Amino acid sequence: MALPPHGPHPRHTPTARASRTEPPAPRPAPRAPARLRRAVAGLLAAVVALGLLEAARQLRPAPYGDRLHHRGQGEWAARAHGGAVAGYDRRTGALRWRYARVGHRPLAVLPARGEVIALWDDGLLTDTDGRSVRWHRALPDAAEWLPAQGGTGVLRPLGRGILAVISPRRVTAYRTADGDLRWVLPARKGCFFRAEDAVRRGAALLLAQPCADTAWTGQLVALDHLGRIAPGRTPLSNDLPRPHLVRTDAEKPLARPR
């Protein structure tokens, strides 16, 4: 039997494997600079702090127990009603605003050019325009005389934006624009003022000052917006302070041409 001729073995080529491309590993996100991170953290802390402060302000009771409710615009007239000071529309009578203080009631109310000054039973003096309470002032020694005196004749306008508050021991004068104390007139020793007997005569307020051992001429005091009317007095001005004028140019002024 003849054998096949001996020849070279056929070349076997290995099967090529399918090439697979691996996806690149994701790169880590770039980190924000440390300074920027600190700034963002500080901003967030500030926002949170402001929110907490506002919440605390809302929860905090109003100073002096103020409760002011504003309901509309229009000209109004004010009076004490139901333990509060209220402004009513001059044309319709509708309630425009109401101002109350928790636990207190007004004893006297005095209109003053679109505002209302009220004396309360705890000796507090207030000024409101129906939208906000502009100022508060506490009268000295009110607990000693106000419960018996009440509000009769205590509030006396003196003109030029000055209000006199008359107590048995003293007269205190306030500027109605800002509640600033302008002057104080004490009663003479052994004497006292009678607010209910004060009488207006022109620009002067005649105030009784009964004394046990003084002639009747010494028992009457004349007042105006500057204080006690007396010869040769040198009173202070009651005007609002003017804004301080600051010169902005630092250059030396030029001499006039010759």
Protein backbone atom coordinates (compact mmCIF):
# COMPACT_ATOMS: atom_id res chain seq x y z
CA MET A 1 0.00 0.00 0.00
CA ALA A 2 1.48 3.15 -1.06
CA LEU A 3 1.81 5.87 1.58
CA PRO A 4 1.00 9.43 0.79
CA PRO A 5 3.93 11.42 -0.04
CA HIS A 6 5.46 13.07 2.98
CA GLY A 7 5.02 16.81 2.86
CA PRO A 8 5.01 19.74 5.19
CA HIS A 9 2.22 19.91 7.72
CA PRO A 10 -0.39 22.57 7.02
CA ARG A 11 0.18 25.77 8.99
CA HIS A 12 -2.47 26.35 11.58
CA THR A 13 -3.08 30.07 12.37
CA PRO A 14 -4.56 30.72 15.79
CA THR A 15 -8.03 32.24 15.81
CA ALA A 16 -7.75 35.91 16.63
CA ARG A 17 -9.77 36.93 19.66
CA ALA A 18 -12.21 39.77 19.31
CA SER A 19 -10.57 42.87 20.57
CA ARG A 20 -12.57 44.66 23.36
CA THR A 21 -11.96 48.30 24.24
CA GLU A 22 -12.33 48.93 27.99
CA PRO A 23 -14.16 52.20 28.82
CA PRO A 24 -11.96 54.75 30.57
CA ALA A 25 -12.39 55.04 34.31
CA PRO A 26 -14.49 58.08 35.26
CA ARG A 27 -12.45 61.01 36.40
CA PRO A 28 -13.19 62.36 39.85
CA ALA A 29 -15.12 65.61 39.79
CA PRO A 30 -12.89 68.57 40.37
CA ARG A 31 -13.15 69.79 43.94
CA ALA A 32 -14.04 73.39 44.55
CA PRO A 33 -11.25 75.47 45.92
CA ALA A 34 -11.16 75.57 49.72
CA ARG A 35 -11.74 79.34 49.74
CA LEU A 36 -14.94 78.96 47.70
CA ARG A 37 -16.21 76.17 49.95
CA ARG A 38 -15.64 78.31 53.01
CA ALA A 39 -17.46 81.25 51.40
CA VAL A 40 -20.48 79.11 50.52
CA ALA A 41 -20.58 77.64 54.02
CA GLY A 42 -20.42 81.12 55.53
CA LEU A 43 -23.21 82.35 53.27
CA LEU A 44 -25.45 79.44 54.24
CA ALA A 45 -24.75 80.06 57.92
CA ALA A 46 -25.63 83.73 57.51
CA VAL A 47 -28.93 82.90 55.80
CA VAL A 48 -29.85 80.49 58.59
CA ALA A 49 -28.90 83.04 61.24
CA LEU A 50 -31.03 85.74 59.60
CA GLY A 51 -33.97 83.38 59.48
CA LEU A 52 -33.59 82.58 63.17
CA LEU A 53 -33.31 86.27 64.07
CA GLU A 54 -36.45 87.10 62.12
CA ALA A 55 -38.32 84.27 63.81
CA ALA A 56 -37.15 85.50 67.21
CA ARG A 57 -38.25 89.04 66.35
CA GLN A 58 -41.71 87.81 65.41
CA LEU A 59 -42.01 85.91 68.67
CA ARG A 60 -40.68 88.77 70.81
CA PRO A 61 -43.46 90.85 72.40
CA ALA A 62 -43.79 94.42 71.19
CA PRO A 63 -42.11 97.00 73.43
CA TYR A 64 -44.41 98.65 75.98
CA GLY A 65 -47.13 96.16 75.03
CA ASP A 66 -47.98 98.10 71.86
CA ARG A 67 -50.72 96.74 69.60
CA LEU A 68 -51.26 98.95 66.55
CA HIS A 69 -53.62 97.86 63.76
CA HIS A 70 -53.87 99.98 60.61
CA ARG A 71 -56.89 99.42 58.35
CA GLY A 72 -56.92 102.08 55.65
CA GLN A 73 -56.15 105.57 54.41
CA GLY A 74 -58.12 108.77 54.79
CA GLU A 75 -58.54 111.68 57.16
CA TRP A 76 -59.42 110.60 60.66
CA ALA A 77 -60.30 111.92 64.09
CA ALA A 78 -59.00 110.12 67.18
CA ARG A 79 -60.52 109.43 70.56
CA ALA A 80 -60.16 106.99 73.42
CA HIS A 81 -62.55 104.08 73.09
CA GLY A 82 -62.70 100.65 74.69
CA GLY A 83 -59.34 100.85 76.44
CA ALA A 84 -57.51 102.00 73.29
CA VAL A 85 -56.88 105.03 71.12
CA ALA A 86 -58.71 104.77 67.80
CA GLY A 87 -58.84 106.84 64.62
CA TYR A 88 -62.18 107.07 62.78
CA ASP A 89 -62.77 108.27 59.24
CA ARG A 90 -64.06 111.85 59.35
CA ARG A 91 -66.51 111.24 56.48
CA THR A 92 -67.81 107.71 57.03
CA GLY A 93 -66.98 107.04 60.66
CA ALA A 94 -65.22 103.79 59.74
CA LEU A 95 -62.36 102.62 61.92
CA ARG A 96 -59.01 103.52 60.32
CA TRP A 97 -56.62 102.39 63.03
CA ARG A 98 -56.55 101.22 66.63
CA TYR A 99 -53.71 101.52 69.12
CA ALA A 100 -53.79 99.62 72.40
CA ARG A 101 -51.30 98.60 75.08
CA VAL A 102 -51.61 95.28 76.81
CA GLY A 103 -52.83 95.74 80.37
CA HIS A 104 -53.20 99.53 80.16
CA ARG A 105 -55.74 102.15 79.13
CA PRO A 106 -55.47 105.76 77.97
CA LEU A 107 -56.42 108.51 80.42
CA ALA A 108 -56.13 111.49 78.07
CA VAL A 109 -55.85 111.94 74.31
CA LEU A 110 -54.60 115.07 72.54
CA PRO A 111 -54.68 115.47 68.73
CA ALA A 112 -51.58 117.19 67.31
CA ARG A 113 -51.37 117.84 63.53
CA GLY A 114 -52.11 114.42 62.11
CA GLU A 115 -50.82 112.65 65.21
CA VAL A 116 -52.24 111.73 68.59
CA ILE A 117 -50.53 112.06 71.97
CA ALA A 118 -51.90 109.79 74.66
CA LEU A 119 -51.33 109.59 78.40
CA TRP A 120 -51.69 106.04 79.76
CA ASP A 121 -52.58 104.85 83.25
CA ASP A 122 -48.99 103.74 83.96
CA GLY A 123 -47.59 107.21 83.27
CA LEU A 124 -46.38 106.49 79.75
CA LEU A 125 -46.72 109.21 77.14
CA THR A 126 -46.97 108.08 73.51
CA ASP A 127 -47.25 109.64 70.07
CA THR A 128 -48.74 107.83 67.08
CA ASP A 129 -49.76 108.80 63.56
CA GLY A 130 -51.94 105.73 63.04
CA ARG A 131 -49.23 103.86 61.12
CA SER A 132 -46.50 103.63 63.78
CA VAL A 133 -45.84 104.64 67.37
CA ARG A 134 -43.33 107.43 66.97
CA TRP A 135 -42.07 107.77 70.53
CA HIS A 136 -42.62 106.75 74.17
CA ARG A 137 -41.80 108.83 77.26
CA ALA A 138 -42.24 107.84 80.90
CA LEU A 139 -43.41 110.59 83.25
CA PRO A 140 -41.44 110.90 86.51
CA ASP A 141 -43.14 109.83 89.75
CA ALA A 142 -46.38 109.04 87.92
CA ALA A 143 -47.37 106.34 90.40
CA GLU A 144 -47.49 108.99 93.17
CA TRP A 145 -50.02 111.32 91.58
CA LEU A 146 -51.58 109.90 88.40
CA PRO A 147 -54.03 107.41 90.00
CA ALA A 148 -55.64 110.21 92.03
CA GLN A 149 -55.21 112.99 89.45
CA GLY A 150 -56.29 111.09 86.35
CA GLY A 151 -55.80 112.71 82.96
CA THR A 152 -57.86 115.85 83.50
CA GLY A 153 -55.91 118.91 82.35
CA VAL A 154 -52.55 117.10 82.38
CA LEU A 155 -51.76 117.50 78.67
CA ARG A 156 -51.50 121.17 77.63
CA PRO A 157 -50.22 122.32 74.23
CA LEU A 158 -48.08 125.45 74.48
CA GLY A 159 -47.72 126.15 70.76
CA ARG A 160 -44.68 125.95 68.49
CA GLY A 161 -44.72 122.15 68.76
CA ILE A 162 -44.26 122.05 72.56
CA LEU A 163 -46.44 120.02 74.91
CA ALA A 164 -46.64 120.67 78.65
CA VAL A 165 -47.38 117.77 80.99
CA ILE A 166 -48.56 119.12 84.33
CA SER A 167 -48.16 117.13 87.52
CA PRO A 168 -48.48 118.44 91.09
CA ARG A 169 -44.71 118.69 91.54
CA ARG A 170 -43.49 119.86 88.15
CA VAL A 171 -44.25 120.88 84.60
CA THR A 172 -42.32 118.96 81.94
CA ALA A 173 -42.26 120.19 78.35
CA TYR A 174 -41.69 117.89 75.38
CA ARG A 175 -41.15 118.59 71.70
CA THR A 176 -43.95 116.79 69.89
CA ALA A 177 -41.87 116.14 66.76
CA ASP A 178 -39.57 113.65 68.51
CA GLY A 179 -40.54 113.54 72.19
CA ASP A 180 -37.40 115.40 73.26
CA LEU A 181 -37.54 116.84 76.80
CA ARG A 182 -37.08 120.61 76.47
CA TRP A 183 -37.45 122.06 79.96
CA VAL A 184 -38.71 121.32 83.47
CA LEU A 185 -40.36 123.78 85.89
CA PRO A 186 -40.59 122.50 89.48
CA ALA A 187 -43.23 123.81 91.85
CA ARG A 188 -42.07 126.08 94.65
CA LYS A 189 -41.33 124.47 97.97
CA GLY A 190 -44.55 123.88 99.84
CA CYS A 191 -46.62 124.51 96.69
CA PHE A 192 -48.15 122.35 94.00
CA PHE A 193 -49.61 122.82 90.53
CA ARG A 194 -53.30 122.34 89.78
CA ALA A 195 -53.55 121.10 86.19
CA GLU A 196 -57.33 121.19 86.07
CA ASP A 197 -57.39 124.94 86.79
CA ALA A 198 -55.03 126.02 83.99
CA VAL A 199 -56.43 128.69 81.68
CA ARG A 200 -55.25 129.78 78.25
CA ARG A 201 -54.78 133.53 77.66
CA GLY A 202 -53.41 134.29 74.22
CA ALA A 203 -49.98 132.73 73.89
CA ALA A 204 -49.71 132.14 77.65
CA LEU A 205 -50.97 129.33 79.85
CA LEU A 206 -51.93 130.56 83.32
CA LEU A 207 -51.34 127.80 85.85
CA ALA A 208 -52.47 127.81 89.47
CA GLN A 209 -49.79 127.07 92.08
CA PRO A 210 -51.50 127.14 95.50
CA CYS A 211 -49.20 127.80 98.44
CA ALA A 212 -50.00 128.04 102.12
CA ASP A 213 -47.97 131.17 102.94
CA THR A 214 -47.71 133.05 99.65
CA ALA A 215 -49.67 136.01 98.29
CA TRP A 216 -52.10 135.24 95.51
CA THR A 217 -49.79 136.92 92.98
CA GLY A 218 -47.22 134.24 93.71
CA GLN A 219 -49.76 131.48 93.26
CA LEU A 220 -50.13 132.02 89.53
CA VAL A 221 -47.53 131.00 86.95
CA ALA A 222 -47.55 132.07 83.29
CA LEU A 223 -46.04 129.67 80.77
CA ASP A 224 -45.37 129.59 77.04
CA HIS A 225 -43.43 127.26 74.74
CA LEU A 226 -40.11 128.57 76.13
CA GLY A 227 -40.96 128.05 79.80
CA ARG A 228 -41.97 130.43 82.58
CA ILE A 229 -42.68 133.94 81.39
CA ALA A 230 -40.48 136.29 83.39
CA PRO A 231 -38.56 139.52 82.72
CA GLY A 232 -35.03 139.04 81.43
CA ARG A 233 -35.30 135.32 80.81
CA THR A 234 -32.82 133.64 78.46
CA PRO A 235 -34.52 130.44 77.28
CA LEU A 236 -33.08 127.78 75.01
CA SER A 237 -34.40 127.24 71.52
CA ASN A 238 -36.90 124.41 71.00
CA ASP A 239 -36.19 123.93 67.29
CA LEU A 240 -35.12 120.58 65.91
CA PRO A 241 -31.34 120.31 65.56
CA ARG A 242 -30.11 121.15 62.09
CA PRO A 243 -27.96 118.63 60.20
CA HIS A 244 -24.27 119.36 60.62
CA LEU A 245 -22.85 120.80 57.43
CA VAL A 246 -19.46 119.38 56.55
CA ARG A 247 -17.28 121.17 54.02
CA THR A 248 -16.18 118.63 51.43
CA ASP A 249 -13.67 120.74 49.51
CA ALA A 250 -10.22 120.69 51.03
CA GLU A 251 -8.83 123.30 48.68
CA LYS A 252 -8.02 126.75 49.96
CA PRO A 253 -10.37 129.27 48.38
CA LEU A 254 -8.77 131.43 45.75
CA ALA A 255 -8.16 135.08 46.47
CA ARG A 256 -10.31 137.54 44.65
CA PRO A 257 -8.64 139.04 41.59
CA ARG A 258 -7.15 142.49 42.18
